PDB file of all heavy atoms in Angstrom:
ATOM      1  N   ALA A   1     -55.217 -20.510  16.411  1.00  0.00           N
ATOM      2  CA  ALA A   1     -55.783 -19.631  15.395  1.00  0.00           C
ATOM      3  C   ALA A   1     -56.134 -18.251  15.958  1.00  0.00           C
ATOM      4  O   ALA A   1     -55.948 -17.218  15.301  1.00  0.00           O
ATOM      5  CB  ALA A   1     -56.986 -20.196  14.653  1.00  0.00           C
ATOM      6  N   ALA A   2     -56.485 -18.309  17.308  1.00  0.00           N
ATOM      7  CA  ALA A   2     -56.881 -17.031  17.921  1.00  0.00           C
ATOM      8  C   ALA A   2     -55.742 -16.283  18.405  1.00  0.00           C
ATOM      9  O   ALA A   2     -55.770 -15.023  18.815  1.00  0.00           O
ATOM     10  CB  ALA A   2     -57.742 -17.402  19.143  1.00  0.00           C
ATOM     11  N   GLY A   3     -54.402 -16.948  18.384  1.00  0.00           N
ATOM     12  CA  GLY A   3     -53.300 -16.239  18.789  1.00  0.00           C
ATOM     13  C   GLY A   3     -52.877 -16.455  20.227  1.00  0.00           C
ATOM     14  O   GLY A   3     -52.092 -15.706  20.784  1.00  0.00           O
ATOM     15  N   GLY A   4     -53.350 -17.601  20.822  1.00  0.00           N
ATOM     16  CA  GLY A   4     -52.979 -17.965  22.134  1.00  0.00           C
ATOM     17  C   GLY A   4     -54.218 -18.127  23.061  1.00  0.00           C
ATOM     18  O   GLY A   4     -55.319 -17.750  22.719  1.00  0.00           O
ATOM     19  N   ARG A   5     -53.885 -18.653  24.286  1.00  0.00           N
ATOM     20  CA  ARG A   5     -54.949 -19.007  25.129  1.00  0.00           C
ATOM     21  C   ARG A   5     -55.810 -17.765  25.621  1.00  0.00           C
ATOM     22  O   ARG A   5     -57.041 -17.834  25.648  1.00  0.00           O
ATOM     23  CB  ARG A   5     -54.446 -19.689  26.436  1.00  0.00           C
ATOM     24  CG  ARG A   5     -55.468 -20.273  27.362  1.00  0.00           C
ATOM     25  CD  ARG A   5     -54.948 -20.715  28.644  1.00  0.00           C
ATOM     26  NE  ARG A   5     -54.588 -19.560  29.502  1.00  0.00           N
ATOM     27  CZ  ARG A   5     -54.426 -19.580  30.776  1.00  0.00           C
ATOM     28  NH1 ARG A   5     -54.543 -20.769  31.462  1.00  0.00           N
ATOM     29  NH2 ARG A   5     -54.132 -18.459  31.507  1.00  0.00           N
ATOM     30  N   ASP A   6     -55.125 -16.738  26.070  1.00  0.00           N
ATOM     31  CA  ASP A   6     -55.855 -15.541  26.539  1.00  0.00           C
ATOM     32  C   ASP A   6     -56.731 -14.942  25.448  1.00  0.00           C
ATOM     33  O   ASP A   6     -57.933 -14.609  25.736  1.00  0.00           O
ATOM     34  CB  ASP A   6     -54.869 -14.510  27.039  1.00  0.00           C
ATOM     35  CG  ASP A   6     -54.132 -14.977  28.285  1.00  0.00           C
ATOM     36  OD1 ASP A   6     -54.576 -15.891  28.967  1.00  0.00           O
ATOM     37  OD2 ASP A   6     -53.052 -14.349  28.629  1.00  0.00           O
ATOM     38  N   LYS A   7     -56.271 -14.846  24.226  1.00  0.00           N
ATOM     39  CA  LYS A   7     -57.106 -14.260  23.145  1.00  0.00           C
ATOM     40  C   LYS A   7     -58.222 -15.161  22.821  1.00  0.00           C
ATOM     41  O   LYS A   7     -59.317 -14.668  22.427  1.00  0.00           O
ATOM     42  CB  LYS A   7     -56.183 -13.950  21.972  1.00  0.00           C
ATOM     43  CG  LYS A   7     -55.239 -12.802  22.115  1.00  0.00           C
ATOM     44  CD  LYS A   7     -54.379 -12.521  20.875  1.00  0.00           C
ATOM     45  CE  LYS A   7     -53.485 -11.321  21.130  1.00  0.00           C
ATOM     46  NZ  LYS A   7     -52.733 -11.052  19.884  1.00  0.00           N
ATOM     47  N   TYR A   8     -57.934 -16.524  22.876  1.00  0.00           N
ATOM     48  CA  TYR A   8     -59.039 -17.409  22.637  1.00  0.00           C
ATOM     49  C   TYR A   8     -60.164 -17.351  23.664  1.00  0.00           C
ATOM     50  O   TYR A   8     -61.413 -17.284  23.294  1.00  0.00           O
ATOM     51  CB  TYR A   8     -58.445 -18.875  22.653  1.00  0.00           C
ATOM     52  CG  TYR A   8     -59.495 -19.983  22.698  1.00  0.00           C
ATOM     53  CD1 TYR A   8     -60.207 -20.329  21.467  1.00  0.00           C
ATOM     54  CD2 TYR A   8     -59.800 -20.659  23.890  1.00  0.00           C
ATOM     55  CE1 TYR A   8     -61.172 -21.372  21.537  1.00  0.00           C
ATOM     56  CE2 TYR A   8     -60.828 -21.641  23.901  1.00  0.00           C
ATOM     57  CZ  TYR A   8     -61.453 -21.975  22.833  1.00  0.00           C
ATOM     58  OH  TYR A   8     -62.406 -22.940  22.821  1.00  0.00           O
ATOM     59  N   ILE A   9     -59.745 -17.237  24.937  1.00  0.00           N
ATOM     60  CA  ILE A   9     -60.774 -17.147  26.017  1.00  0.00           C
ATOM     61  C   ILE A   9     -61.568 -15.824  25.841  1.00  0.00           C
ATOM     62  O   ILE A   9     -62.816 -15.826  25.967  1.00  0.00           O
ATOM     63  CB  ILE A   9     -60.037 -17.208  27.416  1.00  0.00           C
ATOM     64  CG1 ILE A   9     -59.540 -18.575  27.589  1.00  0.00           C
ATOM     65  CG2 ILE A   9     -61.069 -16.772  28.478  1.00  0.00           C
ATOM     66  CD1 ILE A   9     -58.660 -18.713  28.848  1.00  0.00           C
ATOM     67  N   GLU A  10     -60.865 -14.748  25.553  1.00  0.00           N
ATOM     68  CA  GLU A  10     -61.582 -13.469  25.369  1.00  0.00           C
ATOM     69  C   GLU A  10     -62.512 -13.522  24.221  1.00  0.00           C
ATOM     70  O   GLU A  10     -63.724 -13.035  24.288  1.00  0.00           O
ATOM     71  CB  GLU A  10     -60.512 -12.289  25.123  1.00  0.00           C
ATOM     72  CG  GLU A  10     -61.171 -10.958  25.029  1.00  0.00           C
ATOM     73  CD  GLU A  10     -60.147  -9.892  24.835  1.00  0.00           C
ATOM     74  OE1 GLU A  10     -58.956 -10.158  24.795  1.00  0.00           O
ATOM     75  OE2 GLU A  10     -60.580  -8.666  24.676  1.00  0.00           O
ATOM     76  N   ALA A  11     -62.154 -14.104  23.054  1.00  0.00           N
ATOM     77  CA  ALA A  11     -62.978 -14.277  21.891  1.00  0.00           C
ATOM     78  C   ALA A  11     -64.189 -15.115  22.189  1.00  0.00           C
ATOM     79  O   ALA A  11     -65.345 -14.800  21.837  1.00  0.00           O
ATOM     80  CB  ALA A  11     -62.230 -14.773  20.715  1.00  0.00           C
ATOM     81  N   GLN A  12     -64.050 -16.228  22.981  1.00  0.00           N
ATOM     82  CA  GLN A  12     -65.158 -17.117  23.315  1.00  0.00           C
ATOM     83  C   GLN A  12     -66.091 -16.404  24.285  1.00  0.00           C
ATOM     84  O   GLN A  12     -67.330 -16.564  24.126  1.00  0.00           O
ATOM     85  CB  GLN A  12     -64.625 -18.390  23.948  1.00  0.00           C
ATOM     86  CG  GLN A  12     -63.865 -19.366  22.985  1.00  0.00           C
ATOM     87  CD  GLN A  12     -64.840 -19.979  22.037  1.00  0.00           C
ATOM     88  OE1 GLN A  12     -65.822 -20.560  22.357  1.00  0.00           O
ATOM     89  NE2 GLN A  12     -64.571 -19.736  20.730  1.00  0.00           N
ATOM     90  N   LEU A  13     -65.562 -15.688  25.223  1.00  0.00           N
ATOM     91  CA  LEU A  13     -66.441 -14.963  26.167  1.00  0.00           C
ATOM     92  C   LEU A  13     -67.334 -13.940  25.378  1.00  0.00           C
ATOM     93  O   LEU A  13     -68.571 -13.806  25.687  1.00  0.00           O
ATOM     94  CB  LEU A  13     -65.602 -14.240  27.239  1.00  0.00           C
ATOM     95  CG  LEU A  13     -64.912 -15.149  28.265  1.00  0.00           C
ATOM     96  CD1 LEU A  13     -63.936 -14.188  29.119  1.00  0.00           C
ATOM     97  CD2 LEU A  13     -65.932 -15.818  29.175  1.00  0.00           C
ATOM     98  N   LYS A  14     -66.712 -13.257  24.389  1.00  0.00           N
ATOM     99  CA  LYS A  14     -67.471 -12.331  23.647  1.00  0.00           C
ATOM    100  C   LYS A  14     -68.429 -12.953  22.775  1.00  0.00           C
ATOM    101  O   LYS A  14     -69.624 -12.498  22.728  1.00  0.00           O
ATOM    102  CB  LYS A  14     -66.399 -11.418  22.902  1.00  0.00           C
ATOM    103  CG  LYS A  14     -67.026 -10.272  22.072  1.00  0.00           C
ATOM    104  CD  LYS A  14     -66.017  -9.495  21.373  1.00  0.00           C
ATOM    105  CE  LYS A  14     -66.606  -8.300  20.618  1.00  0.00           C
ATOM    106  NZ  LYS A  14     -65.612  -7.466  19.893  1.00  0.00           N
ATOM    107  N   GLU A  15     -68.046 -14.031  22.171  1.00  0.00           N
ATOM    108  CA  GLU A  15     -69.019 -14.698  21.196  1.00  0.00           C
ATOM    109  C   GLU A  15     -70.180 -15.287  21.958  1.00  0.00           C
ATOM    110  O   GLU A  15     -71.372 -15.304  21.399  1.00  0.00           O
ATOM    111  CB  GLU A  15     -68.251 -15.832  20.522  1.00  0.00           C
ATOM    112  CG  GLU A  15     -69.051 -16.596  19.531  1.00  0.00           C
ATOM    113  CD  GLU A  15     -68.260 -17.738  18.883  1.00  0.00           C
ATOM    114  OE1 GLU A  15     -67.086 -17.521  18.690  1.00  0.00           O
ATOM    115  OE2 GLU A  15     -68.926 -18.796  18.523  1.00  0.00           O
ATOM    116  N   LYS A  16     -69.976 -15.780  23.169  1.00  0.00           N
ATOM    117  CA  LYS A  16     -71.083 -16.417  23.937  1.00  0.00           C
ATOM    118  C   LYS A  16     -71.861 -15.455  24.873  1.00  0.00           C
ATOM    119  O   LYS A  16     -72.701 -15.863  25.557  1.00  0.00           O
ATOM    120  CB  LYS A  16     -70.517 -17.587  24.776  1.00  0.00           C
ATOM    121  CG  LYS A  16     -69.921 -18.654  23.878  1.00  0.00           C
ATOM    122  CD  LYS A  16     -69.301 -19.736  24.752  1.00  0.00           C
ATOM    123  CE  LYS A  16     -68.786 -20.949  23.899  1.00  0.00           C
ATOM    124  NZ  LYS A  16     -68.233 -21.994  24.675  1.00  0.00           N
ATOM    125  N   GLY A  17     -71.488 -14.135  24.802  1.00  0.00           N
ATOM    126  CA  GLY A  17     -72.173 -13.160  25.522  1.00  0.00           C
ATOM    127  C   GLY A  17     -71.843 -13.128  27.035  1.00  0.00           C
ATOM    128  O   GLY A  17     -72.590 -12.558  27.841  1.00  0.00           O
ATOM    129  N   TYR A  18     -70.652 -13.633  27.366  1.00  0.00           N
ATOM    130  CA  TYR A  18     -70.265 -13.626  28.808  1.00  0.00           C
ATOM    131  C   TYR A  18     -69.311 -12.433  29.148  1.00  0.00           C
ATOM    132  O   TYR A  18     -69.146 -12.153  30.303  1.00  0.00           O
ATOM    133  CB  TYR A  18     -69.524 -14.909  29.199  1.00  0.00           C
ATOM    134  CG  TYR A  18     -70.401 -16.099  29.368  1.00  0.00           C
ATOM    135  CD1 TYR A  18     -70.627 -17.014  28.293  1.00  0.00           C
ATOM    136  CD2 TYR A  18     -71.062 -16.273  30.547  1.00  0.00           C
ATOM    137  CE1 TYR A  18     -71.461 -18.155  28.546  1.00  0.00           C
ATOM    138  CE2 TYR A  18     -71.901 -17.393  30.775  1.00  0.00           C
ATOM    139  CZ  TYR A  18     -72.091 -18.288  29.784  1.00  0.00           C
ATOM    140  OH  TYR A  18     -72.927 -19.373  29.908  1.00  0.00           O
ATOM    141  N   LEU A  19     -68.804 -11.848  28.136  1.00  0.00           N
ATOM    142  CA  LEU A  19     -67.802 -10.733  28.349  1.00  0.00           C
ATOM    143  C   LEU A  19     -68.585  -9.519  28.896  1.00  0.00           C
ATOM    144  O   LEU A  19     -69.487  -8.907  28.186  1.00  0.00           O
ATOM    145  CB  LEU A  19     -67.097 -10.374  27.069  1.00  0.00           C
ATOM    146  CG  LEU A  19     -65.869  -9.499  27.230  1.00  0.00           C
ATOM    147  CD1 LEU A  19     -64.764 -10.140  28.151  1.00  0.00           C
ATOM    148  CD2 LEU A  19     -65.240  -9.080  25.862  1.00  0.00           C
ATOM    149  N   VAL A  20     -68.210  -9.071  30.003  1.00  0.00           N
ATOM    150  CA  VAL A  20     -68.865  -7.947  30.759  1.00  0.00           C
ATOM    151  C   VAL A  20     -68.053  -6.649  30.561  1.00  0.00           C
ATOM    152  O   VAL A  20     -66.879  -6.607  30.780  1.00  0.00           O
ATOM    153  CB  VAL A  20     -69.081  -8.257  32.186  1.00  0.00           C
ATOM    154  CG1 VAL A  20     -69.785  -7.081  32.879  1.00  0.00           C
ATOM    155  CG2 VAL A  20     -69.886  -9.492  32.403  1.00  0.00           C
ATOM    156  N   GLU A  21     -68.762  -5.642  30.189  1.00  0.00           N
ATOM    157  CA  GLU A  21     -68.133  -4.268  30.013  1.00  0.00           C
ATOM    158  C   GLU A  21     -68.054  -3.739  31.417  1.00  0.00           C
ATOM    159  O   GLU A  21     -69.078  -3.669  32.120  1.00  0.00           O
ATOM    160  CB  GLU A  21     -68.967  -3.445  29.102  1.00  0.00           C
ATOM    161  CG  GLU A  21     -68.385  -2.013  28.953  1.00  0.00           C
ATOM    162  CD  GLU A  21     -69.260  -1.083  28.113  1.00  0.00           C
ATOM    163  OE1 GLU A  21     -70.300  -1.530  27.588  1.00  0.00           O
ATOM    164  OE2 GLU A  21     -68.879   0.145  28.017  1.00  0.00           O
ATOM    165  N   ARG A  22     -66.844  -3.371  31.842  1.00  0.00           N
ATOM    166  CA  ARG A  22     -66.573  -2.798  33.203  1.00  0.00           C
ATOM    167  C   ARG A  22     -67.215  -1.437  33.276  1.00  0.00           C
ATOM    168  O   ARG A  22     -66.993  -0.541  32.396  1.00  0.00           O
ATOM    169  CB  ARG A  22     -65.133  -2.799  33.520  1.00  0.00           C
ATOM    170  CG  ARG A  22     -64.664  -4.019  34.189  1.00  0.00           C
ATOM    171  CD  ARG A  22     -65.020  -5.346  33.480  1.00  0.00           C
ATOM    172  NE  ARG A  22     -64.493  -6.506  34.248  1.00  0.00           N
ATOM    173  CZ  ARG A  22     -64.743  -7.783  33.821  1.00  0.00           C
ATOM    174  NH1 ARG A  22     -65.569  -7.973  32.761  1.00  0.00           N
ATOM    175  NH2 ARG A  22     -64.272  -8.773  34.506  1.00  0.00           N
ATOM    176  N   LYS A  23     -67.975  -1.214  34.409  1.00  0.00           N
ATOM    177  CA  LYS A  23     -68.611   0.105  34.637  1.00  0.00           C
ATOM    178  C   LYS A  23     -68.432   0.532  36.080  1.00  0.00           C
ATOM    179  O   LYS A  23     -68.294  -0.359  36.936  1.00  0.00           O
ATOM    180  CB  LYS A  23     -70.141  -0.038  34.340  1.00  0.00           C
ATOM    181  CG  LYS A  23     -70.474  -0.402  32.899  1.00  0.00           C
ATOM    182  CD  LYS A  23     -71.978  -0.552  32.837  1.00  0.00           C
ATOM    183  CE  LYS A  23     -72.409  -0.970  31.359  1.00  0.00           C
ATOM    184  NZ  LYS A  23     -73.874  -1.224  31.283  1.00  0.00           N
ATOM    185  N   PRO A  24     -68.471   1.794  36.370  1.00  0.00           N
ATOM    186  CA  PRO A  24     -68.447   2.230  37.729  1.00  0.00           C
ATOM    187  C   PRO A  24     -69.724   1.866  38.452  1.00  0.00           C
ATOM    188  O   PRO A  24     -70.849   1.853  37.803  1.00  0.00           O
ATOM    189  CB  PRO A  24     -68.237   3.773  37.648  1.00  0.00           C
ATOM    190  CG  PRO A  24     -68.738   4.096  36.286  1.00  0.00           C
ATOM    191  CD  PRO A  24     -68.449   2.906  35.368  1.00  0.00           C
ATOM    192  N   THR A  25     -69.643   1.404  39.710  1.00  0.00           N
ATOM    193  CA  THR A  25     -70.806   0.944  40.407  1.00  0.00           C
ATOM    194  C   THR A  25     -71.456   1.949  41.336  1.00  0.00           C
ATOM    195  O   THR A  25     -72.467   1.777  41.950  1.00  0.00           O
ATOM    196  CB  THR A  25     -70.396  -0.290  41.251  1.00  0.00           C
ATOM    197  OG1 THR A  25     -69.342   0.135  42.138  1.00  0.00           O
ATOM    198  CG2 THR A  25     -69.904  -1.385  40.319  1.00  0.00           C
ATOM    199  N   ASP A  26     -70.767   3.151  41.466  1.00  0.00           N
ATOM    200  CA  ASP A  26     -71.316   4.121  42.485  1.00  0.00           C
ATOM    201  C   ASP A  26     -72.723   4.617  42.175  1.00  0.00           C
ATOM    202  O   ASP A  26     -73.565   4.794  43.119  1.00  0.00           O
ATOM    203  CB  ASP A  26     -70.329   5.403  42.405  1.00  0.00           C
ATOM    204  CG  ASP A  26     -68.949   5.085  42.883  1.00  0.00           C
ATOM    205  OD1 ASP A  26     -68.773   4.009  43.501  1.00  0.00           O
ATOM    206  OD2 ASP A  26     -68.034   5.890  42.671  1.00  0.00           O
ATOM    207  N   SER A  27     -73.081   4.763  40.940  1.00  0.00           N
ATOM    208  CA  SER A  27     -74.450   5.245  40.602  1.00  0.00           C
ATOM    209  C   SER A  27     -75.445   4.143  40.339  1.00  0.00           C
ATOM    210  O   SER A  27     -76.618   4.493  39.991  1.00  0.00           O
ATOM    211  CB  SER A  27     -74.321   6.206  39.320  1.00  0.00           C
ATOM    212  OG  SER A  27     -73.853   5.457  38.270  1.00  0.00           O
ATOM    213  N   MET A  28     -75.116   2.905  40.486  1.00  0.00           N
ATOM    214  CA  MET A  28     -76.015   1.756  40.226  1.00  0.00           C
ATOM    215  C   MET A  28     -76.954   1.609  41.439  1.00  0.00           C
ATOM    216  O   MET A  28     -76.635   1.801  42.623  1.00  0.00           O
ATOM    217  CB  MET A  28     -75.237   0.527  40.088  1.00  0.00           C
ATOM    218  CG  MET A  28     -74.421   0.361  38.812  1.00  0.00           C
ATOM    219  SD  MET A  28     -73.627  -1.274  38.638  1.00  0.00           S
ATOM    220  CE  MET A  28     -72.783  -1.082  37.078  1.00  0.00           C
ATOM    221  N   SER A  29     -78.236   1.246  40.994  1.00  0.00           N
ATOM    222  CA  SER A  29     -79.240   0.872  41.982  1.00  0.00           C
ATOM    223  C   SER A  29     -78.798  -0.409  42.580  1.00  0.00           C
ATOM    224  O   SER A  29     -78.011  -1.134  42.024  1.00  0.00           O
ATOM    225  CB  SER A  29     -80.608   0.874  41.409  1.00  0.00           C
ATOM    226  OG  SER A  29     -80.705  -0.237  40.443  1.00  0.00           O
ATOM    227  N   LYS A  30     -79.562  -0.821  43.684  1.00  0.00           N
ATOM    228  CA  LYS A  30     -79.233  -2.123  44.313  1.00  0.00           C
ATOM    229  C   LYS A  30     -79.468  -3.281  43.294  1.00  0.00           C
ATOM    230  O   LYS A  30     -78.671  -4.253  43.180  1.00  0.00           O
ATOM    231  CB  LYS A  30     -80.056  -2.299  45.504  1.00  0.00           C
ATOM    232  CG  LYS A  30     -79.726  -3.463  46.336  1.00  0.00           C
ATOM    233  CD  LYS A  30     -80.543  -3.555  47.584  1.00  0.00           C
ATOM    234  CE  LYS A  30     -80.137  -4.881  48.436  1.00  0.00           C
ATOM    235  NZ  LYS A  30     -80.954  -4.863  49.681  1.00  0.00           N
ATOM    236  N   ALA A  31     -80.600  -3.157  42.594  1.00  0.00           N
ATOM    237  CA  ALA A  31     -80.935  -4.224  41.622  1.00  0.00           C
ATOM    238  C   ALA A  31     -79.949  -4.316  40.460  1.00  0.00           C
ATOM    239  O   ALA A  31     -79.552  -5.341  40.064  1.00  0.00           O
ATOM    240  CB  ALA A  31     -82.340  -3.994  41.068  1.00  0.00           C
ATOM    241  N   GLU A  32     -79.507  -3.048  39.960  1.00  0.00           N
ATOM    242  CA  GLU A  32     -78.549  -3.033  38.830  1.00  0.00           C
ATOM    243  C   GLU A  32     -77.228  -3.690  39.441  1.00  0.00           C
ATOM    244  O   GLU A  32     -76.510  -4.399  38.593  1.00  0.00           O
ATOM    245  CB  GLU A  32     -78.381  -1.592  38.429  1.00  0.00           C
ATOM    246  CG  GLU A  32     -79.506  -1.093  37.595  1.00  0.00           C
ATOM    247  CD  GLU A  32     -79.311   0.445  37.307  1.00  0.00           C
ATOM    248  OE1 GLU A  32     -78.590   1.182  38.047  1.00  0.00           O
ATOM    249  OE2 GLU A  32     -79.787   0.843  36.229  1.00  0.00           O
ATOM    250  N   LEU A  33     -76.799  -3.263  40.645  1.00  0.00           N
ATOM    251  CA  LEU A  33     -75.584  -3.829  41.175  1.00  0.00           C
ATOM    252  C   LEU A  33     -75.609  -5.334  41.294  1.00  0.00           C
ATOM    253  O   LEU A  33     -74.546  -5.998  40.977  1.00  0.00           O
ATOM    254  CB  LEU A  33     -75.294  -3.148  42.521  1.00  0.00           C
ATOM    255  CG  LEU A  33     -73.914  -3.530  43.228  1.00  0.00           C
ATOM    256  CD1 LEU A  33     -72.744  -3.103  42.337  1.00  0.00           C
ATOM    257  CD2 LEU A  33     -73.863  -2.906  44.583  1.00  0.00           C
ATOM    258  N   GLU A  34     -76.713  -5.883  41.729  1.00  0.00           N
ATOM    259  CA  GLU A  34     -76.868  -7.330  41.860  1.00  0.00           C
ATOM    260  C   GLU A  34     -76.666  -8.004  40.495  1.00  0.00           C
ATOM    261  O   GLU A  34     -76.034  -9.008  40.368  1.00  0.00           O
ATOM    262  CB  GLU A  34     -78.189  -7.668  42.534  1.00  0.00           C
ATOM    263  CG  GLU A  34     -78.291  -7.355  43.993  1.00  0.00           C
ATOM    264  CD  GLU A  34     -77.263  -8.170  44.769  1.00  0.00           C
ATOM    265  OE1 GLU A  34     -77.036  -9.348  44.536  1.00  0.00           O
ATOM    266  OE2 GLU A  34     -76.613  -7.544  45.717  1.00  0.00           O
ATOM    267  N   ARG A  35     -77.454  -7.439  39.491  1.00  0.00           N
ATOM    268  CA  ARG A  35     -77.293  -7.991  38.089  1.00  0.00           C
ATOM    269  C   ARG A  35     -75.818  -7.903  37.551  1.00  0.00           C
ATOM    270  O   ARG A  35     -75.375  -8.865  36.916  1.00  0.00           O
ATOM    271  CB  ARG A  35     -78.236  -7.207  37.185  1.00  0.00           C
ATOM    272  CG  ARG A  35     -79.736  -7.555  37.376  1.00  0.00           C
ATOM    273  CD  ARG A  35     -80.614  -7.137  36.279  1.00  0.00           C
ATOM    274  NE  ARG A  35     -80.581  -5.709  36.115  1.00  0.00           N
ATOM    275  CZ  ARG A  35     -81.393  -4.800  36.711  1.00  0.00           C
ATOM    276  NH1 ARG A  35     -82.351  -5.342  37.500  1.00  0.00           N
ATOM    277  NH2 ARG A  35     -81.294  -3.554  36.535  1.00  0.00           N
TER     278      ARG A  35
END
């Protein structure tokens, strides 16, 4: 129903709050980088 394995995984990651928005790490503090 999701349109294949990759789309299913992406939808599940998003629904469960695991999907991480990619960000540049240069300006992150040490604590932010660890998180």
